[in-house]
Amino acid sequence: MSEGKTESVADSVQNLYKALDAHTEKILKTQFNSSCTKGCSHCCYLLATITFAEGLLIAEKLMVGPDWRMWLAKLRLAAQKVDYPSITRTNYFRKGQPCVFLGEDKLCRIYDIRPACCRYHIVTGPPENCSFLAPESTKTISLDLTPLEEEVWKLSDAVGKYLKRPDMMIAPLPIMVLACMVVITPDDIEERAEVMKAIEGIRMPGQWMRDCGGSLIREENMRPERMSLEEGNKRGLVK
């Protein structure tokens, strides 16, 4: 169900993840005390925005699986919940909506191919402070790993230019994965109609950014900077 181009993109993203994860692992072992543990899913209620290349990887893996129709339906429902112009990371988080890929056992169903925003969201301090149920005054400290995320962005930018899809740069996870399912599903196969039906009435990435992305950008500009390793060392949070 996939094309050669998409397969090479998937391989490129996974290879980049491996390299960046090795760097993160070194940081966690030598410099930073993290409170993140398996089964702690508080961050799975955050608004996850992903790049085109990451969406292609997830879409590719889902579409070759036997339960892709189930995921198609779940992604549509999840996409509808993030498709509103006034969306911010804060007001979405407070809704308490779990990620479409979070299982009832609090484990990620796509953990091996999870996007960069999930891999590099690392915190210190009591895990319960990360919950959407925590008081709004609760503060958490996160490590600034944006340089790693920027490497993924660069790859996705190259993919977008190569596939001539400048409208597919970034969007919420369910919207991007649905859009990528459309990209990788050929016109001449029966499943195409089901995929197209799933995106009816939902803004695709480019339109979503034009209609809804402004509120996210304004919120981001007002957000305090995340903690660097150097700052963490000064505050006694880094080994």
Protein backbone atom coordinates (compact mmCIF):
# COMPACT_ATOMS: atom_id res chain seq x y z
CA MET A 1 0.00 0.00 0.00
CA SER A 2 3.06 2.22 0.18
CA GLU A 3 5.38 3.75 -2.37
CA GLY A 4 9.16 3.53 -2.45
CA LYS A 5 9.48 7.21 -1.61
CA THR A 6 7.47 6.79 1.57
CA GLU A 7 9.46 3.76 2.66
CA SER A 8 12.72 5.68 2.32
CA VAL A 9 11.27 8.56 4.35
CA ALA A 10 10.20 6.12 7.09
CA ASP A 11 13.69 4.63 7.20
CA SER A 12 15.28 8.09 7.35
CA VAL A 13 13.08 9.19 10.25
CA GLN A 14 13.74 6.01 12.22
CA ASN A 15 17.48 6.25 11.66
CA LEU A 16 17.43 9.86 12.85
CA TYR A 17 15.42 8.88 15.92
CA LYS A 18 18.01 6.23 16.79
CA ALA A 19 20.86 8.72 16.60
CA LEU A 20 19.05 11.39 18.61
CA ASP A 21 17.78 8.90 21.20
CA ALA A 22 21.33 7.71 21.79
CA HIS A 23 22.28 11.32 22.54
CA THR A 24 19.30 11.69 24.89
CA GLU A 25 20.17 8.45 26.68
CA LYS A 26 23.66 9.74 27.33
CA ILE A 27 22.26 12.94 28.83
CA LEU A 28 19.89 10.98 31.07
CA LYS A 29 22.65 8.69 32.31
CA THR A 30 25.28 11.33 32.97
CA GLN A 31 23.68 14.74 33.47
CA PHE A 32 19.98 14.75 34.22
CA ASN A 33 17.67 13.16 36.80
CA SER A 34 14.35 12.42 35.10
CA SER A 35 11.14 11.41 36.88
CA CYS A 36 9.66 9.87 33.70
CA THR A 37 8.84 6.16 34.05
CA LYS A 38 7.04 3.49 32.04
CA GLY A 39 3.30 3.79 32.53
CA CYS A 40 3.46 7.46 33.53
CA SER A 41 1.21 8.92 30.84
CA HIS A 42 0.50 12.47 32.01
CA CYS A 43 2.27 13.96 28.99
CA CYS A 44 0.03 11.86 26.70
CA TYR A 45 -2.70 14.45 27.31
CA LEU A 46 -0.67 17.30 25.85
CA LEU A 47 -1.29 18.61 22.35
CA ALA A 48 1.21 16.74 20.19
CA THR A 49 2.17 18.53 16.99
CA ILE A 50 4.29 16.56 14.54
CA THR A 51 6.08 17.07 11.24
CA PHE A 52 5.26 15.71 7.80
CA ALA A 53 8.07 13.14 7.85
CA GLU A 54 6.97 11.83 11.25
CA GLY A 55 3.39 11.58 10.04
CA LEU A 56 4.50 9.57 7.02
CA LEU A 57 6.31 7.10 9.25
CA ILE A 58 3.26 6.55 11.49
CA ALA A 59 0.83 6.40 8.56
CA GLU A 60 3.02 3.87 6.78
CA LYS A 61 3.14 1.56 9.80
CA LEU A 62 -0.61 1.82 10.42
CA MET A 63 -1.66 1.26 6.82
CA VAL A 64 0.21 -2.03 6.49
CA GLY A 65 -1.39 -3.39 9.67
CA PRO A 66 -4.54 -5.52 9.83
CA ASP A 67 -6.39 -3.01 12.03
CA TRP A 68 -5.77 0.13 9.96
CA ARG A 69 -9.51 0.77 9.56
CA MET A 70 -9.89 0.89 13.35
CA TRP A 71 -7.10 3.46 13.55
CA LEU A 72 -8.64 5.42 10.69
CA ALA A 73 -11.87 5.82 12.67
CA LYS A 74 -10.05 6.68 15.91
CA LEU A 75 -7.85 9.23 14.19
CA ARG A 76 -10.86 10.96 12.68
CA LEU A 77 -12.47 11.33 16.12
CA ALA A 78 -9.20 12.60 17.60
CA ALA A 79 -8.70 15.04 14.71
CA GLN A 80 -12.12 16.56 15.29
CA LYS A 81 -11.11 17.36 18.88
CA VAL A 82 -8.10 19.46 17.83
CA ASP A 83 -9.73 21.17 14.86
CA TYR A 84 -10.83 24.50 16.32
CA PRO A 85 -9.40 28.02 15.70
CA SER A 86 -8.96 29.08 19.35
CA ILE A 87 -6.87 26.04 20.29
CA THR A 88 -3.88 26.51 22.57
CA ARG A 89 -1.72 23.93 24.28
CA THR A 90 -3.15 25.06 27.60
CA ASN A 91 -6.86 24.93 26.81
CA TYR A 92 -6.47 21.60 25.00
CA PHE A 93 -4.51 20.06 27.90
CA ARG A 94 -7.19 21.11 30.39
CA LYS A 95 -9.80 19.15 28.42
CA GLY A 96 -8.16 15.89 29.56
CA GLN A 97 -8.18 14.28 26.11
CA PRO A 98 -5.76 11.31 25.93
CA CYS A 99 -3.64 10.74 22.85
CA VAL A 100 -5.34 8.52 20.30
CA PHE A 101 -2.47 6.04 20.69
CA LEU A 102 -2.62 5.79 24.50
CA GLY A 103 -3.97 2.38 25.54
CA GLU A 104 -6.13 1.62 28.56
CA ASP A 105 -3.01 0.17 30.20
CA LYS A 106 -1.41 3.65 29.96
CA LEU A 107 1.11 2.44 27.38
CA CYS A 108 1.73 3.93 23.94
CA ARG A 109 0.55 1.79 21.02
CA ILE A 110 3.18 3.27 18.68
CA TYR A 111 6.00 3.69 21.20
CA ASP A 112 8.80 2.58 18.85
CA ILE A 113 7.80 5.17 16.24
CA ARG A 114 6.49 7.89 18.57
CA PRO A 115 7.26 11.43 17.36
CA ALA A 116 9.99 13.76 18.58
CA CYS A 117 7.67 15.81 20.79
CA CYS A 118 7.03 12.65 22.81
CA ARG A 119 10.64 11.40 22.85
CA TYR A 120 12.09 14.67 24.10
CA HIS A 121 9.47 15.78 26.60
CA ILE A 122 11.46 15.00 29.73
CA VAL A 123 10.77 16.42 33.19
CA THR A 124 12.06 16.35 36.74
CA GLY A 125 10.01 16.49 39.91
CA PRO A 126 6.84 14.69 41.08
CA PRO A 127 5.09 13.04 38.10
CA GLU A 128 1.66 14.07 39.38
CA ASN A 129 2.62 17.69 38.73
CA CYS A 130 2.39 16.87 35.02
CA SER A 131 -1.26 15.80 35.22
CA PHE A 132 -4.00 17.85 33.55
CA LEU A 133 -5.76 17.57 36.93
CA ALA A 134 -2.97 19.44 38.71
CA PRO A 135 -3.81 23.02 39.77
CA GLU A 136 -3.03 25.62 37.11
CA SER A 137 -0.52 27.17 39.49
CA THR A 138 1.55 23.96 39.49
CA LYS A 139 4.95 24.40 37.87
CA THR A 140 7.00 21.73 36.14
CA ILE A 141 10.55 21.93 34.86
CA SER A 142 11.36 20.45 31.49
CA LEU A 143 14.73 19.97 29.84
CA ASP A 144 15.35 22.01 26.69
CA LEU A 145 15.95 19.43 23.97
CA THR A 146 14.73 21.62 21.12
CA PRO A 147 18.04 21.14 19.23
CA LEU A 148 17.09 17.47 18.83
CA GLU A 149 13.59 18.34 17.65
CA GLU A 150 15.09 20.81 15.18
CA GLU A 151 17.01 17.97 13.52
CA VAL A 152 13.70 16.22 12.89
CA TRP A 153 12.26 19.48 11.54
CA LYS A 154 15.15 19.81 9.09
CA LEU A 155 14.56 16.30 7.78
CA SER A 156 10.84 16.95 7.39
CA ASP A 157 11.53 20.22 5.58
CA ALA A 158 13.70 18.32 3.10
CA VAL A 159 10.99 15.67 2.66
CA GLY A 160 8.33 18.32 2.04
CA LYS A 161 10.44 19.95 -0.64
CA TYR A 162 11.31 16.61 -2.24
CA LEU A 163 7.68 15.49 -2.40
CA LYS A 164 6.55 19.01 -3.33
CA ARG A 165 4.20 19.28 -0.34
CA PRO A 166 4.93 22.65 1.34
CA ASP A 167 1.41 22.53 2.82
CA MET A 168 2.33 19.56 5.04
CA MET A 169 4.96 20.99 7.39
CA ILE A 170 3.39 20.58 10.84
CA ALA A 171 0.00 19.86 12.46
CA PRO A 172 -1.57 18.06 15.44
CA LEU A 173 -0.75 14.35 15.40
CA PRO A 174 -4.16 12.94 14.34
CA ILE A 175 -4.60 15.49 11.56
CA MET A 176 -1.10 14.94 10.21
CA VAL A 177 -1.37 11.15 10.27
CA LEU A 178 -4.72 11.25 8.46
CA ALA A 179 -3.29 13.61 5.85
CA CYS A 180 -0.30 11.32 5.38
CA MET A 181 -2.60 8.33 4.93
CA VAL A 182 -4.08 10.23 1.99
CA VAL A 183 -0.59 10.91 0.61
CA ILE A 184 0.53 7.28 0.70
CA THR A 185 -2.73 5.66 -0.47
CA PRO A 186 -2.74 5.38 -4.29
CA ASP A 187 -5.77 6.58 -6.24
CA ASP A 188 -6.33 3.22 -7.90
CA ILE A 189 -7.02 1.05 -4.86
CA GLU A 190 -10.31 0.40 -3.11
CA GLU A 191 -9.18 1.65 0.31
CA ARG A 192 -8.69 5.16 -1.07
CA ALA A 193 -12.41 5.95 -0.70
CA GLU A 194 -12.34 5.00 2.99
CA VAL A 195 -9.33 7.19 3.66
CA MET A 196 -10.87 10.15 1.83
CA LYS A 197 -14.11 9.69 3.77
CA ALA A 198 -12.18 9.89 7.05
CA ILE A 199 -10.85 13.39 6.31
CA GLU A 200 -14.17 14.93 5.22
CA GLY A 201 -14.82 18.17 7.07
CA ILE A 202 -11.40 18.16 8.79
CA ARG A 203 -8.82 20.84 8.06
CA MET A 204 -5.69 19.43 6.49
CA PRO A 205 -2.27 20.59 7.83
CA GLY A 206 -1.83 23.72 5.72
CA GLN A 207 -5.37 24.94 6.30
CA TRP A 208 -5.18 24.03 9.98
CA MET A 209 -2.08 26.17 10.42
CA ARG A 210 -3.73 29.11 8.65
CA ASP A 211 -6.96 28.88 10.67
CA CYS A 212 -5.77 27.54 14.02
CA GLY A 213 -2.00 27.86 14.24
CA GLY A 214 -2.01 31.55 15.16
CA SER A 215 -3.24 30.94 18.69
CA LEU A 216 -0.48 28.36 19.23
CA ILE A 217 2.19 30.76 17.97
CA ARG A 218 0.98 33.56 20.23
CA GLU A 219 0.96 31.21 23.21
CA GLU A 220 4.46 29.95 22.38
CA ASN A 221 5.81 33.51 22.24
CA MET A 222 4.56 34.10 25.78
CA ARG A 223 5.91 30.85 27.25
CA PRO A 224 8.99 30.94 29.52
CA GLU A 225 12.08 29.30 28.09
CA ARG A 226 12.71 25.70 29.03
CA MET A 227 15.60 24.82 31.28
CA SER A 228 19.00 24.25 29.72
CA LEU A 229 21.48 21.72 31.07
CA GLU A 230 23.62 24.56 32.41
CA GLU A 231 20.69 26.07 34.30
CA GLY A 232 19.72 22.67 35.67
CA ASN A 233 23.22 22.21 37.00
CA LYS A 234 23.04 25.55 38.84
CA ARG A 235 19.74 24.54 40.41
CA GLY A 236 20.95 21.14 41.50
CA LEU A 237 18.66 19.23 39.16
CA VAL A 238 21.45 17.85 37.02
CA LYS A 239 23.97 15.29 38.24
